[in-house]
């Protein structure tokens, strides 16, 4: 069996900090859409922890759906283009769409998704991201309605974010201090 290196990960946000902020975001969304239903779209795989926790704190009738896109491949830097691997199961025309994203860095993936969703004519389109890396922003047209935390430009793992498909299951968010530039987030 091949030896797998253990990486040095420093904790940046604890599980408690993450859950508290997500609860606050859920309350804000509930207040904004009071009396209406929402269609929560989880962008897989990274946002699954965030979206499921957020859904628990949105006290409204809700449809939950998943979309899988890829922009990283096997590298640590976004390629700037996306590939849709799994599309939504239901039409979203006339729906209050809430997009749950794990991290916004270059913004290229989210920019493309927003254009795609707008073509489908939702009633409203709200963007929630657990993490925002504004230093990396390339797409100027992305507007975030709800941000969990603004983070520095470091490689992040945990709470759904990965390094070469590892560390998604960490209950906290940490910096991977010794990332190999040839593996992916």
C-alpha atoms as a PDB file:
ATOM      1  CA  UNK A   1       0.000   0.000   0.000  1.00  0.00           C
ATOM      2  CA  UNK A   2       1.254   3.445  -0.918  1.00  0.00           C
ATOM      3  CA  UNK A   3       1.984   5.755   2.000  1.00  0.00           C
ATOM      4  CA  UNK A   4      -0.263   8.834   2.043  1.00  0.00           C
ATOM      5  CA  UNK A   5       1.307  11.938   3.480  1.00  0.00           C
ATOM      6  CA  UNK A   6      -0.507  13.586   6.342  1.00  0.00           C
ATOM      7  CA  UNK A   7      -0.809  17.294   5.796  1.00  0.00           C
ATOM      8  CA  UNK A   8      -0.452  20.083   8.282  1.00  0.00           C
ATOM      9  CA  UNK A   9      -3.837  21.745   8.739  1.00  0.00           C
ATOM     10  CA  UNK A  10      -4.334  24.762  10.978  1.00  0.00           C
ATOM     11  CA  UNK A  11      -7.862  25.389  12.268  1.00  0.00           C
ATOM     12  CA  UNK A  12      -9.268  28.708  11.058  1.00  0.00           C
ATOM     13  CA  UNK A  13     -12.986  28.399  11.890  1.00  0.00           C
ATOM     14  CA  UNK A  14     -14.348  25.999  14.488  1.00  0.00           C
ATOM     15  CA  UNK A  15     -17.449  23.893  14.008  1.00  0.00           C
ATOM     16  CA  UNK A  16     -19.263  26.088  16.548  1.00  0.00           C
ATOM     17  CA  UNK A  17     -18.358  29.308  14.715  1.00  0.00           C
ATOM     18  CA  UNK A  18     -19.538  27.839  11.420  1.00  0.00           C
ATOM     19  CA  UNK A  19     -22.852  26.595  12.816  1.00  0.00           C
ATOM     20  CA  UNK A  20     -23.561  29.908  14.552  1.00  0.00           C
ATOM     21  CA  UNK A  21     -23.027  31.927  11.369  1.00  0.00           C
ATOM     22  CA  UNK A  22     -25.081  29.535   9.230  1.00  0.00           C
ATOM     23  CA  UNK A  23     -27.946  29.772  11.734  1.00  0.00           C
ATOM     24  CA  UNK A  24     -27.799  33.577  11.433  1.00  0.00           C
ATOM     25  CA  UNK A  25     -27.880  33.337   7.625  1.00  0.00           C
ATOM     26  CA  UNK A  26     -30.882  30.978   7.779  1.00  0.00           C
ATOM     27  CA  UNK A  27     -32.756  33.411  10.009  1.00  0.00           C
ATOM     28  CA  UNK A  28     -32.010  36.315   7.638  1.00  0.00           C
ATOM     29  CA  UNK A  29     -33.257  34.300   4.648  1.00  0.00           C
ATOM     30  CA  UNK A  30     -36.396  33.259   6.542  1.00  0.00           C
ATOM     31  CA  UNK A  31     -37.158  36.910   7.286  1.00  0.00           C
ATOM     32  CA  UNK A  32     -36.497  38.001   3.690  1.00  0.00           C
ATOM     33  CA  UNK A  33     -38.825  35.388   2.156  1.00  0.00           C
ATOM     34  CA  UNK A  34     -41.479  35.288   4.903  1.00  0.00           C
ATOM     35  CA  UNK A  35     -44.749  33.895   3.517  1.00  0.00           C
ATOM     36  CA  UNK A  36     -43.106  32.415   0.406  1.00  0.00           C
ATOM     37  CA  UNK A  37     -41.395  29.193  -0.557  1.00  0.00           C
ATOM     38  CA  UNK A  38     -37.765  28.835  -1.621  1.00  0.00           C
ATOM     39  CA  UNK A  39     -35.820  26.509  -3.903  1.00  0.00           C
ATOM     40  CA  UNK A  40     -32.420  25.823  -2.355  1.00  0.00           C
ATOM     41  CA  UNK A  41     -29.752  24.731  -4.850  1.00  0.00           C
ATOM     42  CA  UNK A  42     -26.690  23.057  -3.382  1.00  0.00           C
ATOM     43  CA  UNK A  43     -23.609  23.253  -5.592  1.00  0.00           C
ATOM     44  CA  UNK A  44     -21.917  19.867  -5.159  1.00  0.00           C
ATOM     45  CA  UNK A  45     -19.732  18.524  -3.755  1.00  0.00           C
ATOM     46  CA  UNK A  46     -18.207  21.224  -1.607  1.00  0.00           C
ATOM     47  CA  UNK A  47     -21.399  22.963  -0.486  1.00  0.00           C
ATOM     48  CA  UNK A  48     -23.218  19.867   0.768  1.00  0.00           C
ATOM     49  CA  UNK A  49     -22.307  20.422   4.439  1.00  0.00           C
ATOM     50  CA  UNK A  50     -23.179  24.126   4.196  1.00  0.00           C
ATOM     51  CA  UNK A  51     -26.453  23.641   2.300  1.00  0.00           C
ATOM     52  CA  UNK A  52     -27.810  20.944   4.594  1.00  0.00           C
ATOM     53  CA  UNK A  53     -26.990  22.973   7.700  1.00  0.00           C
ATOM     54  CA  UNK A  54     -28.467  26.116   6.111  1.00  0.00           C
ATOM     55  CA  UNK A  55     -31.659  24.230   5.183  1.00  0.00           C
ATOM     56  CA  UNK A  56     -32.202  23.348   8.865  1.00  0.00           C
ATOM     57  CA  UNK A  57     -32.346  27.068   9.696  1.00  0.00           C
ATOM     58  CA  UNK A  58     -34.621  28.276   6.906  1.00  0.00           C
ATOM     59  CA  UNK A  59     -38.118  28.083   8.323  1.00  0.00           C
ATOM     60  CA  UNK A  60     -40.037  28.205   5.036  1.00  0.00           C
ATOM     61  CA  UNK A  61     -41.520  25.692   2.609  1.00  0.00           C
ATOM     62  CA  UNK A  62     -38.493  24.492   0.648  1.00  0.00           C
ATOM     63  CA  UNK A  63     -37.435  22.444  -2.321  1.00  0.00           C
ATOM     64  CA  UNK A  64     -33.868  21.174  -2.105  1.00  0.00           C
ATOM     65  CA  UNK A  65     -31.990  20.292  -5.282  1.00  0.00           C
ATOM     66  CA  UNK A  66     -28.410  19.659  -6.283  1.00  0.00           C
ATOM     67  CA  UNK A  67     -26.212  20.778  -9.133  1.00  0.00           C
ATOM     68  CA  UNK A  68     -22.757  19.410  -9.793  1.00  0.00           C
ATOM     69  CA  UNK A  69     -20.220  21.496 -11.654  1.00  0.00           C
ATOM     70  CA  UNK A  70     -16.466  21.354 -11.894  1.00  0.00           C
ATOM     71  CA  UNK A  71     -13.915  24.086 -12.442  1.00  0.00           C
ATOM     72  CA  UNK A  72     -10.832  22.786 -10.637  1.00  0.00           C
ATOM     73  CA  UNK A  73     -10.084  19.376 -12.100  1.00  0.00           C
ATOM     74  CA  UNK A  74      -6.899  18.144 -10.431  1.00  0.00           C
ATOM     75  CA  UNK A  75      -5.284  21.522  -9.723  1.00  0.00           C
ATOM     76  CA  UNK A  76      -5.405  24.056  -6.927  1.00  0.00           C
ATOM     77  CA  UNK A  77      -6.315  26.925  -9.243  1.00  0.00           C
ATOM     78  CA  UNK A  78      -9.682  27.361 -10.969  1.00  0.00           C
ATOM     79  CA  UNK A  79      -9.554  26.749 -14.707  1.00  0.00           C
ATOM     80  CA  UNK A  80     -12.101  29.493 -15.416  1.00  0.00           C
ATOM     81  CA  UNK A  81     -14.438  27.173 -17.323  1.00  0.00           C
ATOM     82  CA  UNK A  82     -17.050  24.854 -15.861  1.00  0.00           C
ATOM     83  CA  UNK A  83     -18.561  21.551 -16.781  1.00  0.00           C
ATOM     84  CA  UNK A  84     -22.108  20.744 -15.630  1.00  0.00           C
ATOM     85  CA  UNK A  85     -22.079  17.183 -14.347  1.00  0.00           C
ATOM     86  CA  UNK A  86     -25.582  17.142 -12.800  1.00  0.00           C
ATOM     87  CA  UNK A  87     -28.329  19.604 -13.581  1.00  0.00           C
ATOM     88  CA  UNK A  88     -31.409  20.496 -11.532  1.00  0.00           C
ATOM     89  CA  UNK A  89     -34.272  18.015 -11.555  1.00  0.00           C
ATOM     90  CA  UNK A  90     -37.123  20.541 -11.738  1.00  0.00           C
ATOM     91  CA  UNK A  91     -37.807  23.736 -13.677  1.00  0.00           C
ATOM     92  CA  UNK A  92     -37.076  26.891 -11.659  1.00  0.00           C
ATOM     93  CA  UNK A  93     -39.169  29.426 -13.561  1.00  0.00           C
ATOM     94  CA  UNK A  94     -41.054  31.607 -11.068  1.00  0.00           C
ATOM     95  CA  UNK A  95     -39.192  30.173  -8.054  1.00  0.00           C
ATOM     96  CA  UNK A  96     -37.228  31.976  -5.334  1.00  0.00           C
ATOM     97  CA  UNK A  97     -33.833  30.412  -6.025  1.00  0.00           C
ATOM     98  CA  UNK A  98     -31.182  30.356  -3.319  1.00  0.00           C
ATOM     99  CA  UNK A  99     -27.794  29.145  -4.527  1.00  0.00           C
ATOM    100  CA  UNK A 100     -25.650  27.646  -1.755  1.00  0.00           C
ATOM    101  CA  UNK A 101     -21.958  27.697  -2.665  1.00  0.00           C
ATOM    102  CA  UNK A 102     -19.041  26.560  -0.513  1.00  0.00           C
ATOM    103  CA  UNK A 103     -16.444  29.131  -1.535  1.00  0.00           C
ATOM    104  CA  UNK A 104     -16.256  32.077  -3.883  1.00  0.00           C
ATOM    105  CA  UNK A 105     -12.775  32.828  -5.108  1.00  0.00           C
ATOM    106  CA  UNK A 106     -12.291  33.728  -8.793  1.00  0.00           C
ATOM    107  CA  UNK A 107     -16.074  33.893  -9.204  1.00  0.00           C
ATOM    108  CA  UNK A 108     -15.899  32.345 -12.675  1.00  0.00           C
ATOM    109  CA  UNK A 109     -17.923  29.243 -11.790  1.00  0.00           C
ATOM    110  CA  UNK A 110     -20.588  31.177  -9.948  1.00  0.00           C
ATOM    111  CA  UNK A 111     -20.790  33.806 -12.705  1.00  0.00           C
ATOM    112  CA  UNK A 112     -21.567  31.082 -15.244  1.00  0.00           C
ATOM    113  CA  UNK A 113     -24.138  29.483 -12.939  1.00  0.00           C
ATOM    114  CA  UNK A 114     -25.875  32.799 -12.304  1.00  0.00           C
ATOM    115  CA  UNK A 115     -26.208  33.407 -16.058  1.00  0.00           C
ATOM    116  CA  UNK A 116     -27.608  29.889 -16.495  1.00  0.00           C
ATOM    117  CA  UNK A 117     -30.139  30.353 -13.687  1.00  0.00           C
ATOM    118  CA  UNK A 118     -31.261  33.767 -14.997  1.00  0.00           C
ATOM    119  CA  UNK A 119     -31.970  32.208 -18.407  1.00  0.00           C
ATOM    120  CA  UNK A 120     -34.402  29.887 -16.611  1.00  0.00           C
ATOM    121  CA  UNK A 121     -36.446  32.885 -15.341  1.00  0.00           C
ATOM    122  CA  UNK A 122     -36.650  32.476 -11.560  1.00  0.00           C
ATOM    123  CA  UNK A 123     -38.757  34.919  -9.541  1.00  0.00           C
ATOM    124  CA  UNK A 124     -35.675  35.848  -7.497  1.00  0.00           C
ATOM    125  CA  UNK A 125     -32.068  34.700  -7.399  1.00  0.00           C
ATOM    126  CA  UNK A 126     -30.180  34.832  -4.105  1.00  0.00           C
ATOM    127  CA  UNK A 127     -26.551  33.782  -3.687  1.00  0.00           C
ATOM    128  CA  UNK A 128     -25.186  32.437  -0.396  1.00  0.00           C
ATOM    129  CA  UNK A 129     -21.584  31.453   0.084  1.00  0.00           C
ATOM    130  CA  UNK A 130     -20.045  30.016   3.186  1.00  0.00           C
ATOM    131  CA  UNK A 131     -16.622  31.467   2.340  1.00  0.00           C
ATOM    132  CA  UNK A 132     -15.507  34.425   0.245  1.00  0.00           C
ATOM    133  CA  UNK A 133     -11.938  35.018  -0.987  1.00  0.00           C
ATOM    134  CA  UNK A 134     -12.233  38.534  -2.451  1.00  0.00           C
ATOM    135  CA  UNK A 135      -8.473  38.732  -3.194  1.00  0.00           C
ATOM    136  CA  UNK A 136      -8.939  36.094  -5.905  1.00  0.00           C
ATOM    137  CA  UNK A 137     -11.972  37.673  -7.634  1.00  0.00           C
ATOM    138  CA  UNK A 138     -11.843  37.773 -11.417  1.00  0.00           C
ATOM    139  CA  UNK A 139     -15.571  37.832 -12.263  1.00  0.00           C
ATOM    140  CA  UNK A 140     -16.834  41.338 -11.560  1.00  0.00           C
ATOM    141  CA  UNK A 141     -20.514  40.506 -12.117  1.00  0.00           C
ATOM    142  CA  UNK A 142     -21.008  38.225  -9.093  1.00  0.00           C
ATOM    143  CA  UNK A 143     -23.099  39.683  -6.276  1.00  0.00           C
ATOM    144  CA  UNK A 144     -23.241  37.758  -3.016  1.00  0.00           C
ATOM    145  CA  UNK A 145     -26.369  38.270  -0.940  1.00  0.00           C
ATOM    146  CA  UNK A 146     -25.188  36.307   2.109  1.00  0.00           C
ATOM    147  CA  UNK A 147     -21.595  35.591   3.094  1.00  0.00           C
ATOM    148  CA  UNK A 148     -20.612  33.367   5.973  1.00  0.00           C
ATOM    149  CA  UNK A 149     -16.972  34.394   6.330  1.00  0.00           C
ATOM    150  CA  UNK A 150     -14.397  36.373   4.363  1.00  0.00           C
ATOM    151  CA  UNK A 151     -11.166  34.368   4.265  1.00  0.00           C
ATOM    152  CA  UNK A 152      -7.583  35.074   3.221  1.00  0.00           C
ATOM    153  CA  UNK A 153      -6.076  33.696   0.012  1.00  0.00           C
ATOM    154  CA  UNK A 154      -4.878  30.384   1.414  1.00  0.00           C
ATOM    155  CA  UNK A 155      -5.791  26.813   0.481  1.00  0.00           C
ATOM    156  CA  UNK A 156      -8.809  25.806   2.580  1.00  0.00           C
ATOM    157  CA  UNK A 157     -10.108  22.374   3.544  1.00  0.00           C
ATOM    158  CA  UNK A 158     -12.836  20.989   5.762  1.00  0.00           C
ATOM    159  CA  UNK A 159     -16.579  21.358   6.071  1.00  0.00           C
ATOM    160  CA  UNK A 160     -17.024  20.148   2.487  1.00  0.00           C
ATOM    161  CA  UNK A 161     -13.901  21.629   0.910  1.00  0.00           C
ATOM    162  CA  UNK A 162     -11.291  19.155  -0.205  1.00  0.00           C
ATOM    163  CA  UNK A 163      -7.725  18.600  -1.235  1.00  0.00           C
ATOM    164  CA  UNK A 164      -7.579  15.845  -3.848  1.00  0.00           C
ATOM    165  CA  UNK A 165     -10.961  14.554  -2.553  1.00  0.00           C
ATOM    166  CA  UNK A 166      -9.664  14.389   1.030  1.00  0.00           C
ATOM    167  CA  UNK A 167     -10.535  16.355   4.184  1.00  0.00           C
ATOM    168  CA  UNK A 168     -14.156  17.205   3.203  1.00  0.00           C
ATOM    169  CA  UNK A 169     -15.350  15.493   6.382  1.00  0.00           C
ATOM    170  CA  UNK A 170     -13.429  17.710   8.800  1.00  0.00           C
ATOM    171  CA  UNK A 171     -15.990  19.424  11.066  1.00  0.00           C
ATOM    172  CA  UNK A 172     -14.015  22.679  10.959  1.00  0.00           C
ATOM    173  CA  UNK A 173     -12.425  24.860   8.285  1.00  0.00           C
ATOM    174  CA  UNK A 174      -8.668  24.964   8.166  1.00  0.00           C
ATOM    175  CA  UNK A 175      -5.731  26.059   6.088  1.00  0.00           C
ATOM    176  CA  UNK A 176      -3.739  23.365   4.354  1.00  0.00           C
ATOM    177  CA  UNK A 177      -0.281  24.654   5.127  1.00  0.00           C
ATOM    178  CA  UNK A 178       1.651  22.351   2.783  1.00  0.00           C
ATOM    179  CA  UNK A 179      -0.569  21.966  -0.308  1.00  0.00           C
ATOM    180  CA  UNK A 180       0.914  20.401  -3.415  1.00  0.00           C
ATOM    181  CA  UNK A 181       0.043  22.794  -6.242  1.00  0.00           C
ATOM    182  CA  UNK A 182      -0.772  19.817  -8.510  1.00  0.00           C
ATOM    183  CA  UNK A 183      -3.722  18.528  -6.444  1.00  0.00           C
ATOM    184  CA  UNK A 184      -7.256  19.950  -6.267  1.00  0.00           C
ATOM    185  CA  UNK A 185      -9.592  21.782  -3.886  1.00  0.00           C
END
